[in-house]
Amino acid sequence: MTRISSFATVVSFCFLLAGCNSKTTETAAKPAVAETPEYFLLRPQVEKAYGYSHAVKIGNDIKVSGAVSMDDKGIPTAKGDLLQQMKNCYSDLDKILKHYGCTFDDVVVENILTTNMPEFLKQSAYRNEIYKKQFPTGSWFGVKELALPEFMIEIELEVYKAKN
């Protein structure tokens, strides 16, 4: 009799453990919503020539390609001046954000690539003029080179724009 009782206890215990580890698979049926990407070209001729879009928005998320210091013809500007290149990058990024009705307050990720990390670190305080409420997450990368040898910095963003 004790063997049957012990067996019943073990079986009950196994069911209890299985119940604790089971996951509820009930989910509310959600209609599939297909978000259509919205592409934005800041410099259409340059971006088409190099094969990229400067930004794409899907739903509330916006991915912004790395901004570099160039004019509308794709010619590098502020050669040798990292601070001015940084200012030029942020100016272009501001135009893209405004296109989508955003500000730098909506930026959630900022990744910076630079060919001169010591100089970038000296100039990084300029970002305080850009991010007035809080800084986004992100990474800073020291790289050997960027797309053109004159580029010293490239800044890419991810943005989240809450629906009003």
C-alpha atoms as a PDB file:
ATOM      1  CA  MET A   1       0.000   0.000   0.000  1.00  0.00           C
ATOM      2  CA  THR A   2       2.810   2.415   0.771  1.00  0.00           C
ATOM      3  CA  ARG A   3       4.289   1.829  -2.675  1.00  0.00           C
ATOM      4  CA  ILE A   4       1.006   2.834  -4.315  1.00  0.00           C
ATOM      5  CA  SER A   5       0.735   5.849  -2.047  1.00  0.00           C
ATOM      6  CA  SER A   6       4.347   6.843  -2.809  1.00  0.00           C
ATOM      7  CA  PHE A   7       3.755   6.353  -6.547  1.00  0.00           C
ATOM      8  CA  ALA A   8       0.641   8.514  -6.389  1.00  0.00           C
ATOM      9  CA  THR A   9       2.575  11.219  -4.521  1.00  0.00           C
ATOM     10  CA  VAL A  10       5.374  11.193  -7.127  1.00  0.00           C
ATOM     11  CA  VAL A  11       2.895  11.322 -10.025  1.00  0.00           C
ATOM     12  CA  SER A  12       0.991  14.187  -8.379  1.00  0.00           C
ATOM     13  CA  PHE A  13       4.242  16.033  -7.782  1.00  0.00           C
ATOM     14  CA  CYS A  14       5.221  15.613 -11.454  1.00  0.00           C
ATOM     15  CA  PHE A  15       1.878  17.045 -12.590  1.00  0.00           C
ATOM     16  CA  LEU A  16       2.336  19.948 -10.207  1.00  0.00           C
ATOM     17  CA  LEU A  17       5.803  20.684 -11.603  1.00  0.00           C
ATOM     18  CA  ALA A  18       4.563  20.401 -15.161  1.00  0.00           C
ATOM     19  CA  GLY A  19       1.779  22.845 -14.363  1.00  0.00           C
ATOM     20  CA  CYS A  20       4.279  25.386 -12.986  1.00  0.00           C
ATOM     21  CA  ASN A  21       6.461  25.176 -16.063  1.00  0.00           C
ATOM     22  CA  SER A  22       3.717  25.242 -18.651  1.00  0.00           C
ATOM     23  CA  LYS A  23       3.183  28.424 -20.610  1.00  0.00           C
ATOM     24  CA  THR A  24      -0.178  29.762 -21.530  1.00  0.00           C
ATOM     25  CA  THR A  25      -0.490  29.775 -25.281  1.00  0.00           C
ATOM     26  CA  GLU A  26      -3.669  31.769 -25.412  1.00  0.00           C
ATOM     27  CA  THR A  27      -3.173  34.990 -27.325  1.00  0.00           C
ATOM     28  CA  ALA A  28      -5.700  37.480 -28.466  1.00  0.00           C
ATOM     29  CA  ALA A  29      -6.160  37.402 -32.187  1.00  0.00           C
ATOM     30  CA  LYS A  30      -4.444  40.505 -33.519  1.00  0.00           C
ATOM     31  CA  PRO A  31      -5.032  41.566 -37.065  1.00  0.00           C
ATOM     32  CA  ALA A  32      -1.861  41.630 -39.126  1.00  0.00           C
ATOM     33  CA  VAL A  33      -1.035  45.217 -39.948  1.00  0.00           C
ATOM     34  CA  ALA A  34       1.300  45.669 -42.848  1.00  0.00           C
ATOM     35  CA  GLU A  35       3.381  48.794 -42.336  1.00  0.00           C
ATOM     36  CA  THR A  36       4.517  50.380 -45.559  1.00  0.00           C
ATOM     37  CA  PRO A  37       8.070  51.733 -45.354  1.00  0.00           C
ATOM     38  CA  GLU A  38       8.389  55.462 -46.062  1.00  0.00           C
ATOM     39  CA  TYR A  39      11.762  56.304 -47.598  1.00  0.00           C
ATOM     40  CA  PHE A  40      13.381  59.735 -47.489  1.00  0.00           C
ATOM     41  CA  LEU A  41      16.241  60.984 -49.648  1.00  0.00           C
ATOM     42  CA  LEU A  42      18.024  64.079 -48.366  1.00  0.00           C
ATOM     43  CA  ARG A  43      20.233  64.357 -51.463  1.00  0.00           C
ATOM     44  CA  PRO A  44      18.453  62.238 -54.083  1.00  0.00           C
ATOM     45  CA  GLN A  45      21.158  62.336 -56.771  1.00  0.00           C
ATOM     46  CA  VAL A  46      23.978  61.474 -54.379  1.00  0.00           C
ATOM     47  CA  GLU A  47      22.023  58.775 -52.582  1.00  0.00           C
ATOM     48  CA  LYS A  48      20.880  57.152 -55.822  1.00  0.00           C
ATOM     49  CA  ALA A  49      24.456  57.217 -57.152  1.00  0.00           C
ATOM     50  CA  TYR A  50      25.790  55.480 -54.025  1.00  0.00           C
ATOM     51  CA  GLY A  51      22.739  53.214 -53.602  1.00  0.00           C
ATOM     52  CA  TYR A  52      21.153  54.088 -50.272  1.00  0.00           C
ATOM     53  CA  SER A  53      18.237  55.947 -48.711  1.00  0.00           C
ATOM     54  CA  HIS A  54      19.055  58.428 -45.989  1.00  0.00           C
ATOM     55  CA  ALA A  55      16.119  57.349 -43.846  1.00  0.00           C
ATOM     56  CA  VAL A  56      13.262  54.888 -43.712  1.00  0.00           C
ATOM     57  CA  LYS A  57      10.240  55.010 -41.432  1.00  0.00           C
ATOM     58  CA  ILE A  58       8.188  51.940 -40.572  1.00  0.00           C
ATOM     59  CA  GLY A  59       5.413  52.536 -38.091  1.00  0.00           C
ATOM     60  CA  ASN A  60       6.831  54.573 -35.222  1.00  0.00           C
ATOM     61  CA  ASP A  61      10.452  53.625 -35.952  1.00  0.00           C
ATOM     62  CA  ILE A  62      12.824  55.614 -38.142  1.00  0.00           C
ATOM     63  CA  LYS A  63      16.293  54.418 -39.136  1.00  0.00           C
ATOM     64  CA  VAL A  64      18.644  57.143 -40.343  1.00  0.00           C
ATOM     65  CA  SER A  65      21.760  56.310 -42.344  1.00  0.00           C
ATOM     66  CA  GLY A  66      25.039  57.781 -41.214  1.00  0.00           C
ATOM     67  CA  ALA A  67      25.284  61.494 -41.925  1.00  0.00           C
ATOM     68  CA  VAL A  68      28.620  62.834 -43.116  1.00  0.00           C
ATOM     69  CA  SER A  69      29.843  66.341 -43.891  1.00  0.00           C
ATOM     70  CA  MET A  70      29.097  66.911 -47.592  1.00  0.00           C
ATOM     71  CA  ASP A  71      27.406  69.407 -49.858  1.00  0.00           C
ATOM     72  CA  ASP A  72      24.407  68.687 -52.094  1.00  0.00           C
ATOM     73  CA  LYS A  73      26.708  67.347 -54.830  1.00  0.00           C
ATOM     74  CA  GLY A  74      28.333  64.846 -52.480  1.00  0.00           C
ATOM     75  CA  ILE A  75      31.589  66.800 -52.136  1.00  0.00           C
ATOM     76  CA  PRO A  76      33.147  66.540 -48.644  1.00  0.00           C
ATOM     77  CA  THR A  77      33.102  69.771 -46.629  1.00  0.00           C
ATOM     78  CA  ALA A  78      35.071  71.048 -43.609  1.00  0.00           C
ATOM     79  CA  LYS A  79      38.099  68.940 -44.526  1.00  0.00           C
ATOM     80  CA  GLY A  80      40.353  68.396 -41.511  1.00  0.00           C
ATOM     81  CA  ASP A  81      37.914  70.065 -39.054  1.00  0.00           C
ATOM     82  CA  LEU A  82      36.149  67.386 -37.006  1.00  0.00           C
ATOM     83  CA  LEU A  83      34.034  69.829 -34.980  1.00  0.00           C
ATOM     84  CA  GLN A  84      32.665  71.526 -38.099  1.00  0.00           C
ATOM     85  CA  GLN A  85      32.045  68.141 -39.714  1.00  0.00           C
ATOM     86  CA  MET A  86      30.117  67.114 -36.590  1.00  0.00           C
ATOM     87  CA  LYS A  87      28.028  70.300 -36.782  1.00  0.00           C
ATOM     88  CA  ASN A  88      27.330  69.629 -40.467  1.00  0.00           C
ATOM     89  CA  CYS A  89      26.242  66.069 -39.675  1.00  0.00           C
ATOM     90  CA  TYR A  90      23.814  67.251 -36.984  1.00  0.00           C
ATOM     91  CA  SER A  91      22.454  69.903 -39.334  1.00  0.00           C
ATOM     92  CA  ASP A  92      21.606  67.237 -41.918  1.00  0.00           C
ATOM     93  CA  LEU A  93      20.163  64.946 -39.252  1.00  0.00           C
ATOM     94  CA  ASP A  94      17.971  67.804 -38.028  1.00  0.00           C
ATOM     95  CA  LYS A  95      16.539  68.210 -41.551  1.00  0.00           C
ATOM     96  CA  ILE A  96      15.683  64.506 -41.667  1.00  0.00           C
ATOM     97  CA  LEU A  97      14.096  64.558 -38.213  1.00  0.00           C
ATOM     98  CA  LYS A  98      11.997  67.603 -39.145  1.00  0.00           C
ATOM     99  CA  HIS A  99      10.819  65.820 -42.312  1.00  0.00           C
ATOM    100  CA  TYR A 100       9.246  63.208 -40.031  1.00  0.00           C
ATOM    101  CA  GLY A 101       7.978  65.738 -37.478  1.00  0.00           C
ATOM    102  CA  CYS A 102      10.641  64.743 -34.944  1.00  0.00           C
ATOM    103  CA  THR A 103      13.370  66.384 -32.905  1.00  0.00           C
ATOM    104  CA  PHE A 104      16.519  65.100 -31.255  1.00  0.00           C
ATOM    105  CA  ASP A 105      14.323  64.397 -28.201  1.00  0.00           C
ATOM    106  CA  ASP A 106      12.868  61.487 -30.218  1.00  0.00           C
ATOM    107  CA  VAL A 107      16.270  59.872 -30.874  1.00  0.00           C
ATOM    108  CA  VAL A 108      16.709  56.593 -28.998  1.00  0.00           C
ATOM    109  CA  VAL A 109      20.013  55.379 -30.513  1.00  0.00           C
ATOM    110  CA  GLU A 110      22.961  57.379 -31.813  1.00  0.00           C
ATOM    111  CA  ASN A 111      26.033  55.605 -33.172  1.00  0.00           C
ATOM    112  CA  ILE A 112      29.106  57.662 -34.013  1.00  0.00           C
ATOM    113  CA  LEU A 113      31.977  56.478 -36.161  1.00  0.00           C
ATOM    114  CA  THR A 114      35.152  58.541 -36.278  1.00  0.00           C
ATOM    115  CA  THR A 115      38.605  58.248 -37.772  1.00  0.00           C
ATOM    116  CA  ASN A 116      40.024  60.355 -34.926  1.00  0.00           C
ATOM    117  CA  MET A 117      38.687  59.265 -31.532  1.00  0.00           C
ATOM    118  CA  PRO A 118      40.975  61.528 -29.434  1.00  0.00           C
ATOM    119  CA  GLU A 119      39.777  64.607 -31.346  1.00  0.00           C
ATOM    120  CA  PHE A 120      36.155  63.434 -31.167  1.00  0.00           C
ATOM    121  CA  LEU A 121      36.452  63.046 -27.389  1.00  0.00           C
ATOM    122  CA  LYS A 122      37.747  66.643 -27.180  1.00  0.00           C
ATOM    123  CA  GLN A 123      34.748  67.862 -29.206  1.00  0.00           C
ATOM    124  CA  SER A 124      32.059  65.524 -27.850  1.00  0.00           C
ATOM    125  CA  ALA A 125      30.710  68.164 -25.451  1.00  0.00           C
ATOM    126  CA  TYR A 126      29.110  69.790 -28.508  1.00  0.00           C
ATOM    127  CA  ARG A 127      26.463  67.052 -28.226  1.00  0.00           C
ATOM    128  CA  ASN A 128      25.094  68.929 -25.174  1.00  0.00           C
ATOM    129  CA  GLU A 129      23.789  71.519 -27.631  1.00  0.00           C
ATOM    130  CA  ILE A 130      21.970  68.781 -29.556  1.00  0.00           C
ATOM    131  CA  TYR A 131      20.514  66.670 -26.759  1.00  0.00           C
ATOM    132  CA  LYS A 132      18.922  69.066 -24.293  1.00  0.00           C
ATOM    133  CA  LYS A 133      16.642  66.638 -22.363  1.00  0.00           C
ATOM    134  CA  GLN A 134      18.536  63.343 -22.361  1.00  0.00           C
ATOM    135  CA  PHE A 135      21.129  61.455 -24.336  1.00  0.00           C
ATOM    136  CA  PRO A 136      20.133  58.432 -26.421  1.00  0.00           C
ATOM    137  CA  THR A 137      21.793  55.049 -26.137  1.00  0.00           C
ATOM    138  CA  GLY A 138      24.490  54.244 -28.647  1.00  0.00           C
ATOM    139  CA  SER A 139      28.116  53.504 -29.309  1.00  0.00           C
ATOM    140  CA  TRP A 140      31.197  55.383 -30.412  1.00  0.00           C
ATOM    141  CA  PHE A 141      33.511  53.589 -32.819  1.00  0.00           C
ATOM    142  CA  GLY A 142      37.053  54.476 -33.802  1.00  0.00           C
ATOM    143  CA  VAL A 143      37.453  53.307 -37.398  1.00  0.00           C
ATOM    144  CA  LYS A 144      40.302  53.240 -39.887  1.00  0.00           C
ATOM    145  CA  GLU A 145      38.347  55.009 -42.638  1.00  0.00           C
ATOM    146  CA  LEU A 146      34.899  56.105 -43.746  1.00  0.00           C
ATOM    147  CA  ALA A 147      33.409  56.202 -47.264  1.00  0.00           C
ATOM    148  CA  LEU A 148      35.711  59.003 -48.450  1.00  0.00           C
ATOM    149  CA  PRO A 149      39.118  59.862 -46.971  1.00  0.00           C
ATOM    150  CA  GLU A 150      38.037  63.425 -46.080  1.00  0.00           C
ATOM    151  CA  PHE A 151      35.242  62.218 -43.788  1.00  0.00           C
ATOM    152  CA  MET A 152      36.300  62.213 -40.140  1.00  0.00           C
ATOM    153  CA  ILE A 153      32.915  61.471 -38.560  1.00  0.00           C
ATOM    154  CA  GLU A 154      29.648  59.733 -39.414  1.00  0.00           C
ATOM    155  CA  ILE A 155      26.546  59.784 -37.219  1.00  0.00           C
ATOM    156  CA  GLU A 156      23.605  57.397 -37.575  1.00  0.00           C
ATOM    157  CA  LEU A 157      20.347  57.491 -35.641  1.00  0.00           C
ATOM    158  CA  GLU A 158      17.365  55.409 -34.650  1.00  0.00           C
ATOM    159  CA  VAL A 159      14.258  57.349 -33.778  1.00  0.00           C
ATOM    160  CA  TYR A 160      11.011  56.419 -32.086  1.00  0.00           C
ATOM    161  CA  LYS A 161       8.066  58.759 -32.674  1.00  0.00           C
ATOM    162  CA  ALA A 162       5.111  58.003 -30.440  1.00  0.00           C
ATOM    163  CA  LYS A 163       1.722  58.391 -32.076  1.00  0.00           C
ATOM    164  CA  ASN A 164      -0.162  61.450 -30.876  1.00  0.00           C
END
